[in-house]
């Protein structure tokens, strides 16, 4: 599976199963690991006290994306705020209770049709997930750049990486 996000619109479950059958063994293993991590997060939220703070659990194709909600006083902003995660396959974030309350009130006032309101809410939750992923990427940007400069990530030593070196020697 590529790192690019794709949206699929299968007409039937058979089309989805045909797609899955066409995956390589490596891609199927990645899909299985993602599904297991996703199920583990869903199960954990149902068993723990975290269930009352859970806004949604989703995925970006590479990680499980879990969004919680807490009072503004705890977060000191509306969010989304990226939280540390012990599992690199799980991205955790939070938004303020007050933000959620405002959005619910806004959509209740604006959309009288239940279906339209529900659809708009789903779009909003998707936008929160995208915002969280972007916030995480922005935070990790310099760490990843620093990793590229780390000599341990470059297995081929260059001429001047080892001391002492002869600067005048031909390459």
C-alpha atoms as a PDB file:
ATOM      1  CA  UNK A   1       0.000   0.000   0.000  1.00  0.00           C
ATOM      2  CA  UNK A   2       1.336   3.401  -0.808  1.00  0.00           C
ATOM      3  CA  UNK A   3       1.676   6.244   1.678  1.00  0.00           C
ATOM      4  CA  UNK A   4      -0.816   8.292  -0.295  1.00  0.00           C
ATOM      5  CA  UNK A   5      -4.356   8.338   1.022  1.00  0.00           C
ATOM      6  CA  UNK A   6      -6.967   6.954  -1.319  1.00  0.00           C
ATOM      7  CA  UNK A   7     -10.703   7.019  -1.095  1.00  0.00           C
ATOM      8  CA  UNK A   8     -12.529   3.927  -2.266  1.00  0.00           C
ATOM      9  CA  UNK A   9     -16.107   3.731  -3.419  1.00  0.00           C
ATOM     10  CA  UNK A  10     -16.944   0.083  -3.877  1.00  0.00           C
ATOM     11  CA  UNK A  11     -20.350  -0.786  -5.264  1.00  0.00           C
ATOM     12  CA  UNK A  12     -20.443  -4.057  -3.328  1.00  0.00           C
ATOM     13  CA  UNK A  13     -18.551  -6.052  -0.756  1.00  0.00           C
ATOM     14  CA  UNK A  14     -17.434  -8.375  -3.560  1.00  0.00           C
ATOM     15  CA  UNK A  15     -15.536  -5.481  -5.183  1.00  0.00           C
ATOM     16  CA  UNK A  16     -13.825  -4.760  -1.884  1.00  0.00           C
ATOM     17  CA  UNK A  17     -12.875  -8.421  -1.425  1.00  0.00           C
ATOM     18  CA  UNK A  18     -11.520  -8.540  -4.989  1.00  0.00           C
ATOM     19  CA  UNK A  19      -9.373  -5.499  -4.212  1.00  0.00           C
ATOM     20  CA  UNK A  20      -8.050  -7.127  -1.052  1.00  0.00           C
ATOM     21  CA  UNK A  21      -7.283 -10.359  -2.929  1.00  0.00           C
ATOM     22  CA  UNK A  22      -5.205  -8.319  -5.393  1.00  0.00           C
ATOM     23  CA  UNK A  23      -2.909  -7.001  -2.663  1.00  0.00           C
ATOM     24  CA  UNK A  24       0.587  -8.392  -2.245  1.00  0.00           C
ATOM     25  CA  UNK A  25       1.410 -10.448   0.835  1.00  0.00           C
ATOM     26  CA  UNK A  26       3.290  -7.483   2.296  1.00  0.00           C
ATOM     27  CA  UNK A  27       0.318  -5.186   1.720  1.00  0.00           C
ATOM     28  CA  UNK A  28      -2.013  -7.732   3.318  1.00  0.00           C
ATOM     29  CA  UNK A  29       0.279  -7.910   6.369  1.00  0.00           C
ATOM     30  CA  UNK A  30       0.213  -4.102   6.645  1.00  0.00           C
ATOM     31  CA  UNK A  31      -3.570  -4.132   6.383  1.00  0.00           C
ATOM     32  CA  UNK A  32      -3.799  -6.830   9.075  1.00  0.00           C
ATOM     33  CA  UNK A  33      -1.514  -4.861  11.429  1.00  0.00           C
ATOM     34  CA  UNK A  34      -3.547  -1.705  10.872  1.00  0.00           C
ATOM     35  CA  UNK A  35      -6.818  -3.545  11.489  1.00  0.00           C
ATOM     36  CA  UNK A  36      -5.409  -5.129  14.665  1.00  0.00           C
ATOM     37  CA  UNK A  37      -4.194  -1.770  15.988  1.00  0.00           C
ATOM     38  CA  UNK A  38      -7.542  -0.198  15.152  1.00  0.00           C
ATOM     39  CA  UNK A  39      -9.478  -2.976  16.904  1.00  0.00           C
ATOM     40  CA  UNK A  40      -7.182  -2.755  19.938  1.00  0.00           C
ATOM     41  CA  UNK A  41      -7.871   0.981  20.253  1.00  0.00           C
ATOM     42  CA  UNK A  42     -11.624   0.523  19.879  1.00  0.00           C
ATOM     43  CA  UNK A  43     -11.638  -2.266  22.483  1.00  0.00           C
ATOM     44  CA  UNK A  44      -9.526  -0.208  24.899  1.00  0.00           C
ATOM     45  CA  UNK A  45     -11.889   2.752  24.729  1.00  0.00           C
ATOM     46  CA  UNK A  46     -14.866   0.533  25.544  1.00  0.00           C
ATOM     47  CA  UNK A  47     -13.180  -0.987  28.583  1.00  0.00           C
ATOM     48  CA  UNK A  48     -11.468   2.062  30.040  1.00  0.00           C
ATOM     49  CA  UNK A  49     -12.635   5.286  31.590  1.00  0.00           C
ATOM     50  CA  UNK A  50     -11.419   6.962  28.385  1.00  0.00           C
ATOM     51  CA  UNK A  51     -14.713   6.042  26.698  1.00  0.00           C
ATOM     52  CA  UNK A  52     -16.411   9.196  27.973  1.00  0.00           C
ATOM     53  CA  UNK A  53     -13.648  11.389  26.505  1.00  0.00           C
ATOM     54  CA  UNK A  54     -13.505   9.609  23.126  1.00  0.00           C
ATOM     55  CA  UNK A  55     -14.734  11.694  20.200  1.00  0.00           C
ATOM     56  CA  UNK A  56     -13.796   9.262  17.422  1.00  0.00           C
ATOM     57  CA  UNK A  57     -11.369   6.581  16.293  1.00  0.00           C
ATOM     58  CA  UNK A  58     -10.402   6.449  12.633  1.00  0.00           C
ATOM     59  CA  UNK A  59      -7.398   5.914  10.452  1.00  0.00           C
ATOM     60  CA  UNK A  60      -5.239   7.670   7.893  1.00  0.00           C
ATOM     61  CA  UNK A  61      -4.107   4.508   6.101  1.00  0.00           C
ATOM     62  CA  UNK A  62      -0.898   4.231   8.119  1.00  0.00           C
ATOM     63  CA  UNK A  63      -2.012   4.852  11.688  1.00  0.00           C
ATOM     64  CA  UNK A  64      -5.008   4.731  13.935  1.00  0.00           C
ATOM     65  CA  UNK A  65      -6.183   8.283  14.614  1.00  0.00           C
ATOM     66  CA  UNK A  66      -7.857   8.729  17.996  1.00  0.00           C
ATOM     67  CA  UNK A  67      -9.429  12.033  19.032  1.00  0.00           C
ATOM     68  CA  UNK A  68     -10.441  12.787  22.618  1.00  0.00           C
ATOM     69  CA  UNK A  69     -12.103  15.836  24.161  1.00  0.00           C
ATOM     70  CA  UNK A  70     -11.238  17.593  27.403  1.00  0.00           C
ATOM     71  CA  UNK A  71     -12.102  20.931  29.047  1.00  0.00           C
ATOM     72  CA  UNK A  72     -10.434  24.007  27.564  1.00  0.00           C
ATOM     73  CA  UNK A  73      -8.664  24.589  30.900  1.00  0.00           C
ATOM     74  CA  UNK A  74      -6.830  21.276  30.524  1.00  0.00           C
ATOM     75  CA  UNK A  75      -5.747  21.866  26.919  1.00  0.00           C
ATOM     76  CA  UNK A  76      -5.352  25.681  27.037  1.00  0.00           C
ATOM     77  CA  UNK A  77      -6.601  25.844  23.452  1.00  0.00           C
ATOM     78  CA  UNK A  78      -9.418  24.489  21.303  1.00  0.00           C
ATOM     79  CA  UNK A  79      -7.101  22.092  19.491  1.00  0.00           C
ATOM     80  CA  UNK A  80      -6.498  19.719  18.026  1.00  0.00           C
ATOM     81  CA  UNK A  81      -3.555  19.096  20.338  1.00  0.00           C
ATOM     82  CA  UNK A  82      -1.220  16.169  19.635  1.00  0.00           C
ATOM     83  CA  UNK A  83      -0.647  13.843  22.596  1.00  0.00           C
ATOM     84  CA  UNK A  84       2.297  11.459  22.961  1.00  0.00           C
ATOM     85  CA  UNK A  85       1.527   7.862  22.109  1.00  0.00           C
ATOM     86  CA  UNK A  86       3.355   4.747  23.224  1.00  0.00           C
ATOM     87  CA  UNK A  87       2.415   3.071  19.962  1.00  0.00           C
ATOM     88  CA  UNK A  88       3.855   4.602  16.757  1.00  0.00           C
ATOM     89  CA  UNK A  89       0.857   3.204  14.858  1.00  0.00           C
ATOM     90  CA  UNK A  90      -1.537   5.312  16.978  1.00  0.00           C
ATOM     91  CA  UNK A  91      -1.883   9.088  16.656  1.00  0.00           C
ATOM     92  CA  UNK A  92      -3.685  10.615  19.643  1.00  0.00           C
ATOM     93  CA  UNK A  93      -5.074  14.121  19.855  1.00  0.00           C
ATOM     94  CA  UNK A  94      -7.657  16.158  21.708  1.00  0.00           C
ATOM     95  CA  UNK A  95      -9.969  19.110  21.230  1.00  0.00           C
ATOM     96  CA  UNK A  96     -11.794  21.159  23.822  1.00  0.00           C
ATOM     97  CA  UNK A  97     -15.252  20.299  25.127  1.00  0.00           C
ATOM     98  CA  UNK A  98     -16.221  23.888  24.428  1.00  0.00           C
ATOM     99  CA  UNK A  99     -15.309  23.563  20.739  1.00  0.00           C
ATOM    100  CA  UNK A 100     -17.460  20.464  20.434  1.00  0.00           C
ATOM    101  CA  UNK A 101     -20.371  22.151  22.233  1.00  0.00           C
ATOM    102  CA  UNK A 102     -20.148  25.176  19.906  1.00  0.00           C
ATOM    103  CA  UNK A 103     -20.099  22.994  16.794  1.00  0.00           C
ATOM    104  CA  UNK A 104     -23.059  20.929  17.958  1.00  0.00           C
ATOM    105  CA  UNK A 105     -25.044  24.111  18.640  1.00  0.00           C
ATOM    106  CA  UNK A 106     -24.019  25.573  15.266  1.00  0.00           C
ATOM    107  CA  UNK A 107     -25.075  22.472  13.322  1.00  0.00           C
ATOM    108  CA  UNK A 108     -28.315  22.106  15.284  1.00  0.00           C
ATOM    109  CA  UNK A 109     -29.260  25.699  14.441  1.00  0.00           C
ATOM    110  CA  UNK A 110     -28.079  25.593  10.835  1.00  0.00           C
ATOM    111  CA  UNK A 111     -29.300  22.160   9.704  1.00  0.00           C
ATOM    112  CA  UNK A 112     -32.865  21.261  10.561  1.00  0.00           C
ATOM    113  CA  UNK A 113     -32.743  18.011   8.605  1.00  0.00           C
ATOM    114  CA  UNK A 114     -31.226  15.234  10.768  1.00  0.00           C
ATOM    115  CA  UNK A 115     -29.510  13.570   7.792  1.00  0.00           C
ATOM    116  CA  UNK A 116     -27.910  16.838   6.637  1.00  0.00           C
ATOM    117  CA  UNK A 117     -26.796  17.623  10.203  1.00  0.00           C
ATOM    118  CA  UNK A 118     -25.287  14.142  10.609  1.00  0.00           C
ATOM    119  CA  UNK A 119     -23.477  14.395   7.270  1.00  0.00           C
ATOM    120  CA  UNK A 120     -22.063  17.823   8.190  1.00  0.00           C
ATOM    121  CA  UNK A 121     -20.926  16.475  11.582  1.00  0.00           C
ATOM    122  CA  UNK A 122     -19.111  13.597   9.868  1.00  0.00           C
ATOM    123  CA  UNK A 123     -17.358  16.054   7.543  1.00  0.00           C
ATOM    124  CA  UNK A 124     -16.348  18.138  10.535  1.00  0.00           C
ATOM    125  CA  UNK A 125     -14.894  15.117  12.349  1.00  0.00           C
ATOM    126  CA  UNK A 126     -12.953  14.230   9.189  1.00  0.00           C
ATOM    127  CA  UNK A 127     -11.560  17.765   9.108  1.00  0.00           C
ATOM    128  CA  UNK A 128     -10.475  17.402  12.751  1.00  0.00           C
ATOM    129  CA  UNK A 129      -8.621  14.211  11.836  1.00  0.00           C
ATOM    130  CA  UNK A 130      -6.875  15.985   8.959  1.00  0.00           C
ATOM    131  CA  UNK A 131      -5.966  18.905  11.242  1.00  0.00           C
ATOM    132  CA  UNK A 132      -4.495  16.474  13.790  1.00  0.00           C
ATOM    133  CA  UNK A 133      -2.444  14.680  11.136  1.00  0.00           C
ATOM    134  CA  UNK A 134      -1.128  18.019   9.844  1.00  0.00           C
ATOM    135  CA  UNK A 135      -0.292  19.187  13.383  1.00  0.00           C
ATOM    136  CA  UNK A 136       1.581  15.947  14.005  1.00  0.00           C
ATOM    137  CA  UNK A 137       3.492  16.291  10.734  1.00  0.00           C
ATOM    138  CA  UNK A 138       4.438  19.891  11.582  1.00  0.00           C
ATOM    139  CA  UNK A 139       5.721  18.849  15.011  1.00  0.00           C
ATOM    140  CA  UNK A 140       7.742  15.972  13.623  1.00  0.00           C
ATOM    141  CA  UNK A 141       9.137  17.870  10.643  1.00  0.00           C
ATOM    142  CA  UNK A 142      12.433  18.895  12.235  1.00  0.00           C
ATOM    143  CA  UNK A 143      12.906  15.561  13.988  1.00  0.00           C
ATOM    144  CA  UNK A 144      12.687  13.762  10.657  1.00  0.00           C
ATOM    145  CA  UNK A 145      15.079  16.269   9.060  1.00  0.00           C
ATOM    146  CA  UNK A 146      17.556  15.772  11.901  1.00  0.00           C
ATOM    147  CA  UNK A 147      17.256  12.012  11.384  1.00  0.00           C
ATOM    148  CA  UNK A 148      18.296  12.425   7.756  1.00  0.00           C
ATOM    149  CA  UNK A 149      21.457  14.171   8.918  1.00  0.00           C
ATOM    150  CA  UNK A 150      22.250  11.466  11.453  1.00  0.00           C
ATOM    151  CA  UNK A 151      25.138   9.345  10.183  1.00  0.00           C
ATOM    152  CA  UNK A 152      23.469   6.200  11.502  1.00  0.00           C
ATOM    153  CA  UNK A 153      20.731   6.660   8.921  1.00  0.00           C
ATOM    154  CA  UNK A 154      23.342   6.886   6.168  1.00  0.00           C
ATOM    155  CA  UNK A 155      25.099   3.496   6.077  1.00  0.00           C
ATOM    156  CA  UNK A 156      27.622   4.632   3.442  1.00  0.00           C
ATOM    157  CA  UNK A 157      30.339   6.631   5.230  1.00  0.00           C
ATOM    158  CA  UNK A 158      31.609   9.561   3.248  1.00  0.00           C
ATOM    159  CA  UNK A 159      35.251  10.387   2.896  1.00  0.00           C
ATOM    160  CA  UNK A 160      35.169  13.253   5.402  1.00  0.00           C
ATOM    161  CA  UNK A 161      32.989  11.494   7.999  1.00  0.00           C
ATOM    162  CA  UNK A 162      35.989   9.711   9.473  1.00  0.00           C
ATOM    163  CA  UNK A 163      38.746  11.529  11.284  1.00  0.00           C
ATOM    164  CA  UNK A 164      41.576  12.020  10.496  1.00  0.00           C
ATOM    165  CA  UNK A 165      41.021  12.741   6.856  1.00  0.00           C
ATOM    166  CA  UNK A 166      43.135  14.147   4.105  1.00  0.00           C
ATOM    167  CA  UNK A 167      41.357  17.149   2.633  1.00  0.00           C
ATOM    168  CA  UNK A 168      43.775  17.361  -0.250  1.00  0.00           C
ATOM    169  CA  UNK A 169      43.357  13.777  -1.427  1.00  0.00           C
ATOM    170  CA  UNK A 170      41.578  13.216  -4.704  1.00  0.00           C
ATOM    171  CA  UNK A 171      38.171  11.688  -4.660  1.00  0.00           C
END
